[in-house]
């Protein structure tokens, strides 16, 4: 819920999902500077009840236009 709210605040599109392993996966699209802000937030702050020990971002690439719409939490 908090990640979704932060993504929307930054004007990003994408999704996040908690895994059974206690991790979070997702996809984020939008302006590079806002994605950078989101990565910092995910790495340093996150949801109030989370415990961040490591953040890993992969499969990064540039796109011409967003392929997702809105920002959702998947279950």
PDB file of N, CA and C in Angstrom:
ATOM      1  N   UNK A   1       0.825  -1.189   0.000  1.00  0.00           N
ATOM      2  CA  UNK A   1       0.000   0.000   0.000  1.00  0.00           C
ATOM      3  C   UNK A   1       0.876   1.262   0.000  1.00  0.00           C
ATOM      4  N   UNK A   2       1.910   1.291   0.846  1.00  0.00           N
ATOM      5  CA  UNK A   2       2.778   2.468   0.916  1.00  0.00           C
ATOM      6  C   UNK A   2       3.605   2.627  -0.354  1.00  0.00           C
ATOM      7  N   UNK A   3       4.050   1.506  -0.908  1.00  0.00           N
ATOM      8  CA  UNK A   3       4.829   1.551  -2.148  1.00  0.00           C
ATOM      9  C   UNK A   3       3.955   2.029  -3.297  1.00  0.00           C
ATOM     10  N   UNK A   4       2.732   1.554  -3.342  1.00  0.00           N
ATOM     11  CA  UNK A   4       1.782   1.997  -4.356  1.00  0.00           C
ATOM     12  C   UNK A   4       1.563   3.507  -4.248  1.00  0.00           C
ATOM     13  N   UNK A   5       1.372   3.987  -3.037  1.00  0.00           N
ATOM     14  CA  UNK A   5       1.148   5.420  -2.804  1.00  0.00           C
ATOM     15  C   UNK A   5       2.361   6.242  -3.252  1.00  0.00           C
ATOM     16  N   UNK A   6       3.568   5.757  -2.957  1.00  0.00           N
ATOM     17  CA  UNK A   6       4.777   6.471  -3.343  1.00  0.00           C
ATOM     18  C   UNK A   6       4.939   6.479  -4.869  1.00  0.00           C
ATOM     19  N   UNK A   7       4.665   5.356  -5.499  1.00  0.00           N
ATOM     20  CA  UNK A   7       4.730   5.288  -6.958  1.00  0.00           C
ATOM     21  C   UNK A   7       3.778   6.272  -7.611  1.00  0.00           C
ATOM     22  N   UNK A   8       2.578   6.352  -7.107  1.00  0.00           N
ATOM     23  CA  UNK A   8       1.590   7.299  -7.639  1.00  0.00           C
ATOM     24  C   UNK A   8       2.015   8.738  -7.383  1.00  0.00           C
ATOM     25  N   UNK A   9       2.562   9.001  -6.203  1.00  0.00           N
ATOM     26  CA  UNK A   9       3.029  10.349  -5.877  1.00  0.00           C
ATOM     27  C   UNK A   9       4.106  10.812  -6.848  1.00  0.00           C
ATOM     28  N   UNK A  10       4.955   9.879  -7.257  1.00  0.00           N
ATOM     29  CA  UNK A  10       6.036  10.207  -8.184  1.00  0.00           C
ATOM     30  C   UNK A  10       5.602  10.178  -9.642  1.00  0.00           C
ATOM     31  N   UNK A  11       4.346   9.831  -9.896  1.00  0.00           N
ATOM     32  CA  UNK A  11       3.835   9.797 -11.264  1.00  0.00           C
ATOM     33  C   UNK A  11       4.324   8.602 -12.062  1.00  0.00           C
ATOM     34  N   UNK A  12       4.606   7.503 -11.373  1.00  0.00           N
ATOM     35  CA  UNK A  12       5.116   6.304 -12.034  1.00  0.00           C
ATOM     36  C   UNK A  12       4.002   5.316 -12.329  1.00  0.00           C
ATOM     37  N   UNK A  13       4.289   4.407 -13.230  1.00  0.00           N
ATOM     38  CA  UNK A  13       3.386   3.306 -13.543  1.00  0.00           C
ATOM     39  C   UNK A  13       4.085   2.014 -13.150  1.00  0.00           C
ATOM     40  N   UNK A  14       3.307   1.023 -12.737  1.00  0.00           N
ATOM     41  CA  UNK A  14       3.913  -0.258 -12.424  1.00  0.00           C
ATOM     42  C   UNK A  14       3.144  -1.060 -11.412  1.00  0.00           C
ATOM     43  N   UNK A  15       3.843  -1.997 -10.793  1.00  0.00           N
ATOM     44  CA  UNK A  15       3.238  -2.878  -9.803  1.00  0.00           C
ATOM     45  C   UNK A  15       4.295  -3.401  -8.841  1.00  0.00           C
ATOM     46  N   UNK A  16       3.859  -3.826  -7.682  1.00  0.00           N
ATOM     47  CA  UNK A  16       4.712  -4.473  -6.687  1.00  0.00           C
ATOM     48  C   UNK A  16       3.952  -5.649  -6.085  1.00  0.00           C
ATOM     49  N   UNK A  17       4.714  -6.618  -5.602  1.00  0.00           N
ATOM     50  CA  UNK A  17       4.096  -7.800  -5.001  1.00  0.00           C
ATOM     51  C   UNK A  17       5.022  -8.373  -3.943  1.00  0.00           C
ATOM     52  N   UNK A  18       4.475  -8.702  -2.784  1.00  0.00           N
ATOM     53  CA  UNK A  18       5.228  -9.402  -1.745  1.00  0.00           C
ATOM     54  C   UNK A  18       5.318 -10.870  -2.132  1.00  0.00           C
ATOM     55  N   UNK A  19       6.488 -11.470  -1.931  1.00  0.00           N
ATOM     56  CA  UNK A  19       6.663 -12.879  -2.244  1.00  0.00           C
ATOM     57  C   UNK A  19       6.570 -13.721  -0.978  1.00  0.00           C
ATOM     58  N   UNK A  20       6.470 -15.015  -1.149  1.00  0.00           N
ATOM     59  CA  UNK A  20       6.441 -15.938  -0.010  1.00  0.00           C
ATOM     60  C   UNK A  20       7.779 -15.988   0.704  1.00  0.00           C
ATOM     61  N   UNK A  21       8.845 -15.508   0.057  1.00  0.00           N
ATOM     62  CA  UNK A  21      10.190 -15.523   0.639  1.00  0.00           C
ATOM     63  C   UNK A  21      10.475 -14.285   1.485  1.00  0.00           C
ATOM     64  N   UNK A  22       9.485 -13.409   1.632  1.00  0.00           N
ATOM     65  CA  UNK A  22       9.674 -12.197   2.412  1.00  0.00           C
ATOM     66  C   UNK A  22      10.341 -11.077   1.636  1.00  0.00           C
ATOM     67  N   UNK A  23      10.309 -11.191   0.317  1.00  0.00           N
ATOM     68  CA  UNK A  23      10.887 -10.156  -0.533  1.00  0.00           C
ATOM     69  C   UNK A  23       9.782  -9.460  -1.306  1.00  0.00           C
ATOM     70  N   UNK A  24      10.168  -8.455  -2.054  1.00  0.00           N
ATOM     71  CA  UNK A  24       9.213  -7.729  -2.884  1.00  0.00           C
ATOM     72  C   UNK A  24       9.745  -7.724  -4.313  1.00  0.00           C
ATOM     73  N   UNK A  25       8.862  -7.998  -5.276  1.00  0.00           N
ATOM     74  CA  UNK A  25       9.210  -7.911  -6.690  1.00  0.00           C
ATOM     75  C   UNK A  25       8.279  -6.908  -7.340  1.00  0.00           C
ATOM     76  N   UNK A  26       8.671  -6.410  -8.490  1.00  0.00           N
ATOM     77  CA  UNK A  26       7.793  -5.477  -9.177  1.00  0.00           C
ATOM     78  C   UNK A  26       8.400  -4.936 -10.439  1.00  0.00           C
ATOM     79  N   UNK A  27       7.674  -4.032 -11.031  1.00  0.00           N
ATOM     80  CA  UNK A  27       8.103  -3.362 -12.251  1.00  0.00           C
ATOM     81  C   UNK A  27       7.670  -1.909 -12.153  1.00  0.00           C
ATOM     82  N   UNK A  28       8.565  -1.008 -12.535  1.00  0.00           N
ATOM     83  CA  UNK A  28       8.284   0.424 -12.464  1.00  0.00           C
ATOM     84  C   UNK A  28       8.669   1.066 -13.790  1.00  0.00           C
ATOM     85  N   UNK A  29       7.810   1.945 -14.289  1.00  0.00           N
ATOM     86  CA  UNK A  29       8.073   2.676 -15.521  1.00  0.00           C
ATOM     87  C   UNK A  29       7.747   4.148 -15.318  1.00  0.00           C
ATOM     88  N   UNK A  30       8.502   4.994 -15.991  1.00  0.00           N
ATOM     89  CA  UNK A  30       8.262   6.429 -15.913  1.00  0.00           C
ATOM     90  C   UNK A  30       9.541   7.193 -16.172  1.00  0.00           C
ATOM     91  N   UNK A  31       9.521   8.497 -15.896  1.00  0.00           N
ATOM     92  CA  UNK A  31      10.713   9.321 -16.106  1.00  0.00           C
ATOM     93  C   UNK A  31      11.888   8.829 -15.257  1.00  0.00           C
ATOM     94  N   UNK A  32      13.075   8.845 -15.852  1.00  0.00           N
ATOM     95  CA  UNK A  32      14.272   8.315 -15.194  1.00  0.00           C
ATOM     96  C   UNK A  32      14.528   8.951 -13.830  1.00  0.00           C
ATOM     97  N   UNK A  33      14.321  10.251 -13.709  1.00  0.00           N
ATOM     98  CA  UNK A  33      14.591  10.907 -12.429  1.00  0.00           C
ATOM     99  C   UNK A  33      13.617  10.454 -11.348  1.00  0.00           C
ATOM    100  N   UNK A  34      12.376  10.191 -11.719  1.00  0.00           N
ATOM    101  CA  UNK A  34      11.389   9.717 -10.745  1.00  0.00           C
ATOM    102  C   UNK A  34      11.655   8.261 -10.372  1.00  0.00           C
ATOM    103  N   UNK A  35      12.117   7.473 -11.336  1.00  0.00           N
ATOM    104  CA  UNK A  35      12.477   6.086 -11.039  1.00  0.00           C
ATOM    105  C   UNK A  35      13.645   6.064 -10.067  1.00  0.00           C
ATOM    106  N   UNK A  36      14.591   6.955 -10.269  1.00  0.00           N
ATOM    107  CA  UNK A  36      15.732   7.065  -9.355  1.00  0.00           C
ATOM    108  C   UNK A  36      15.256   7.393  -7.938  1.00  0.00           C
ATOM    109  N   UNK A  37      14.315   8.320  -7.818  1.00  0.00           N
ATOM    110  CA  UNK A  37      13.756   8.656  -6.495  1.00  0.00           C
ATOM    111  C   UNK A  37      13.074   7.445  -5.866  1.00  0.00           C
ATOM    112  N   UNK A  38      12.345   6.688  -6.685  1.00  0.00           N
ATOM    113  CA  UNK A  38      11.641   5.507  -6.188  1.00  0.00           C
ATOM    114  C   UNK A  38      12.644   4.459  -5.712  1.00  0.00           C
ATOM    115  N   UNK A  39      13.727   4.277  -6.428  1.00  0.00           N
ATOM    116  CA  UNK A  39      14.747   3.322  -6.023  1.00  0.00           C
ATOM    117  C   UNK A  39      15.384   3.719  -4.695  1.00  0.00           C
ATOM    118  N   UNK A  40      15.626   4.992  -4.506  1.00  0.00           N
ATOM    119  CA  UNK A  40      16.168   5.464  -3.223  1.00  0.00           C
ATOM    120  C   UNK A  40      15.160   5.195  -2.118  1.00  0.00           C
ATOM    121  N   UNK A  41      13.893   5.508  -2.350  1.00  0.00           N
ATOM    122  CA  UNK A  41      12.850   5.282  -1.354  1.00  0.00           C
ATOM    123  C   UNK A  41      12.758   3.794  -1.007  1.00  0.00           C
ATOM    124  N   UNK A  42      12.779   2.935  -2.033  1.00  0.00           N
ATOM    125  CA  UNK A  42      12.701   1.495  -1.801  1.00  0.00           C
ATOM    126  C   UNK A  42      13.927   0.977  -1.045  1.00  0.00           C
ATOM    127  N   UNK A  43      15.080   1.560  -1.297  1.00  0.00           N
ATOM    128  CA  UNK A  43      16.330   1.116  -0.671  1.00  0.00           C
ATOM    129  C   UNK A  43      16.504   1.602   0.758  1.00  0.00           C
ATOM    130  N   UNK A  44      15.981   2.789   1.049  1.00  0.00           N
ATOM    131  CA  UNK A  44      16.254   3.431   2.338  1.00  0.00           C
ATOM    132  C   UNK A  44      15.068   3.507   3.285  1.00  0.00           C
ATOM    133  N   UNK A  45      13.871   3.692   2.732  1.00  0.00           N
ATOM    134  CA  UNK A  45      12.710   3.959   3.581  1.00  0.00           C
ATOM    135  C   UNK A  45      11.690   2.833   3.519  1.00  0.00           C
ATOM    136  N   UNK A  46      11.020   2.680   2.407  1.00  0.00           N
ATOM    137  CA  UNK A  46      10.010   1.630   2.257  1.00  0.00           C
ATOM    138  C   UNK A  46       8.820   1.838   3.166  1.00  0.00           C
ATOM    139  N   UNK A  47       8.008   0.806   3.285  1.00  0.00           N
ATOM    140  CA  UNK A  47       6.830   0.843   4.152  1.00  0.00           C
ATOM    141  C   UNK A  47       7.258   0.909   5.615  1.00  0.00           C
ATOM    142  N   UNK A  48       6.434   1.514   6.470  1.00  0.00           N
ATOM    143  CA  UNK A  48       6.810   1.670   7.880  1.00  0.00           C
ATOM    144  C   UNK A  48       7.155   0.360   8.596  1.00  0.00           C
ATOM    145  N   UNK A  49       6.507  -0.728   8.251  1.00  0.00           N
ATOM    146  CA  UNK A  49       6.731  -1.986   8.964  1.00  0.00           C
ATOM    147  C   UNK A  49       7.792  -2.871   8.316  1.00  0.00           C
ATOM    148  N   UNK A  50       8.398  -2.416   7.231  1.00  0.00           N
ATOM    149  CA  UNK A  50       9.367  -3.266   6.545  1.00  0.00           C
ATOM    150  C   UNK A  50      10.755  -3.148   7.164  1.00  0.00           C
ATOM    151  N   UNK A  51      11.563  -4.159   6.910  1.00  0.00           N
ATOM    152  CA  UNK A  51      12.952  -4.171   7.339  1.00  0.00           C
ATOM    153  C   UNK A  51      13.781  -4.386   6.081  1.00  0.00           C
ATOM    154  N   UNK A  52      14.473  -3.369   5.648  1.00  0.00           N
ATOM    155  CA  UNK A  52      15.237  -3.433   4.408  1.00  0.00           C
ATOM    156  C   UNK A  52      16.667  -3.847   4.733  1.00  0.00           C
ATOM    157  N   UNK A  53      17.076  -4.985   4.199  1.00  0.00           N
ATOM    158  CA  UNK A  53      18.450  -5.438   4.392  1.00  0.00           C
ATOM    159  C   UNK A  53      19.256  -5.313   3.104  1.00  0.00           C
ATOM    160  N   UNK A  54      18.567  -5.319   1.979  1.00  0.00           N
ATOM    161  CA  UNK A  54      19.235  -5.224   0.685  1.00  0.00           C
ATOM    162  C   UNK A  54      18.208  -4.866  -0.372  1.00  0.00           C
ATOM    163  N   UNK A  55      18.614  -4.094  -1.346  1.00  0.00           N
ATOM    164  CA  UNK A  55      17.754  -3.777  -2.493  1.00  0.00           C
ATOM    165  C   UNK A  55      18.526  -4.104  -3.762  1.00  0.00           C
ATOM    166  N   UNK A  56      17.883  -4.802  -4.660  1.00  0.00           N
ATOM    167  CA  UNK A  56      18.512  -5.197  -5.919  1.00  0.00           C
ATOM    168  C   UNK A  56      17.577  -4.831  -7.057  1.00  0.00           C
ATOM    169  N   UNK A  57      18.100  -4.139  -8.029  1.00  0.00           N
ATOM    170  CA  UNK A  57      17.307  -3.725  -9.188  1.00  0.00           C
ATOM    171  C   UNK A  57      17.947  -4.339 -10.431  1.00  0.00           C
ATOM    172  N   UNK A  58      17.133  -4.971 -11.269  1.00  0.00           N
ATOM    173  CA  UNK A  58      17.677  -5.649 -12.440  1.00  0.00           C
ATOM    174  C   UNK A  58      16.784  -5.448 -13.655  1.00  0.00           C
ATOM    175  N   UNK A  59      17.288  -5.897 -14.773  1.00  0.00           N
ATOM    176  CA  UNK A  59      16.545  -5.825 -16.040  1.00  0.00           C
ATOM    177  C   UNK A  59      16.128  -4.406 -16.392  1.00  0.00           C
ATOM    178  N   UNK A  60      16.976  -3.436 -16.082  1.00  0.00           N
ATOM    179  CA  UNK A  60      16.661  -2.049 -16.395  1.00  0.00           C
ATOM    180  C   UNK A  60      16.905  -1.776 -17.873  1.00  0.00           C
ATOM    181  N   UNK A  61      15.990  -1.024 -18.471  1.00  0.00           N
ATOM    182  CA  UNK A  61      16.137  -0.645 -19.873  1.00  0.00           C
ATOM    183  C   UNK A  61      15.326   0.610 -20.144  1.00  0.00           C
ATOM    184  N   UNK A  62      15.691   1.313 -21.198  1.00  0.00           N
ATOM    185  CA  UNK A  62      14.945   2.500 -21.613  1.00  0.00           C
ATOM    186  C   UNK A  62      13.804   2.080 -22.524  1.00  0.00           C
ATOM    187  N   UNK A  63      12.690   2.775 -22.384  1.00  0.00           N
ATOM    188  CA  UNK A  63      11.542   2.533 -23.266  1.00  0.00           C
ATOM    189  C   UNK A  63      11.080   3.871 -23.819  1.00  0.00           C
ATOM    190  N   UNK A  64      10.439   3.835 -24.987  1.00  0.00           N
ATOM    191  CA  UNK A  64       9.962   5.061 -25.622  1.00  0.00           C
ATOM    192  C   UNK A  64       8.728   5.625 -24.929  1.00  0.00           C
ATOM    193  N   UNK A  65       7.843   4.749 -24.495  1.00  0.00           N
ATOM    194  CA  UNK A  65       6.648   5.178 -23.762  1.00  0.00           C
ATOM    195  C   UNK A  65       6.245   4.086 -22.781  1.00  0.00           C
ATOM    196  N   UNK A  66       5.534   4.487 -21.747  1.00  0.00           N
ATOM    197  CA  UNK A  66       5.150   3.518 -20.715  1.00  0.00           C
ATOM    198  C   UNK A  66       4.251   2.438 -21.299  1.00  0.00           C
ATOM    199  N   UNK A  67       4.436   1.235 -20.802  1.00  0.00           N
ATOM    200  CA  UNK A  67       3.661   0.088 -21.262  1.00  0.00           C
ATOM    201  C   UNK A  67       2.620  -0.336 -20.218  1.00  0.00           C
ATOM    202  N   UNK A  68       2.716   0.254 -19.038  1.00  0.00           N
ATOM    203  CA  UNK A  68       1.795  -0.040 -17.942  1.00  0.00           C
ATOM    204  C   UNK A  68       1.007   1.205 -17.611  1.00  0.00           C
ATOM    205  N   UNK A  69      -0.108   1.027 -16.943  1.00  0.00           N
ATOM    206  CA  UNK A  69      -0.935   2.165 -16.571  1.00  0.00           C
ATOM    207  C   UNK A  69      -1.307   2.059 -15.106  1.00  0.00           C
ATOM    208  N   UNK A  70      -1.164   3.168 -14.386  1.00  0.00           N
ATOM    209  CA  UNK A  70      -1.456   3.176 -12.959  1.00  0.00           C
ATOM    210  C   UNK A  70      -0.355   2.502 -12.173  1.00  0.00           C
ATOM    211  N   UNK A  71      -0.543   2.411 -10.880  1.00  0.00           N
ATOM    212  CA  UNK A  71       0.412   1.731 -10.011  1.00  0.00           C
ATOM    213  C   UNK A  71      -0.392   0.863  -9.059  1.00  0.00           C
ATOM    214  N   UNK A  72      -0.142  -0.431  -9.073  1.00  0.00           N
ATOM    215  CA  UNK A  72      -0.967  -1.371  -8.314  1.00  0.00           C
ATOM    216  C   UNK A  72      -0.128  -2.245  -7.390  1.00  0.00           C
ATOM    217  N   UNK A  73      -0.774  -2.735  -6.366  1.00  0.00           N
ATOM    218  CA  UNK A  73      -0.212  -3.776  -5.520  1.00  0.00           C
ATOM    219  C   UNK A  73      -0.868  -5.075  -5.928  1.00  0.00           C
ATOM    220  N   UNK A  74      -0.062  -6.048  -6.298  1.00  0.00           N
ATOM    221  CA  UNK A  74      -0.597  -7.359  -6.682  1.00  0.00           C
ATOM    222  C   UNK A  74      -0.525  -8.293  -5.491  1.00  0.00           C
ATOM    223  N   UNK A  75      -1.468  -9.247  -5.466  1.00  0.00           N
ATOM    224  CA  UNK A  75      -1.514 -10.211  -4.368  1.00  0.00           C
ATOM    225  C   UNK A  75      -1.398 -11.618  -4.873  1.00  0.00           C
TER     226      UNK A  75
END
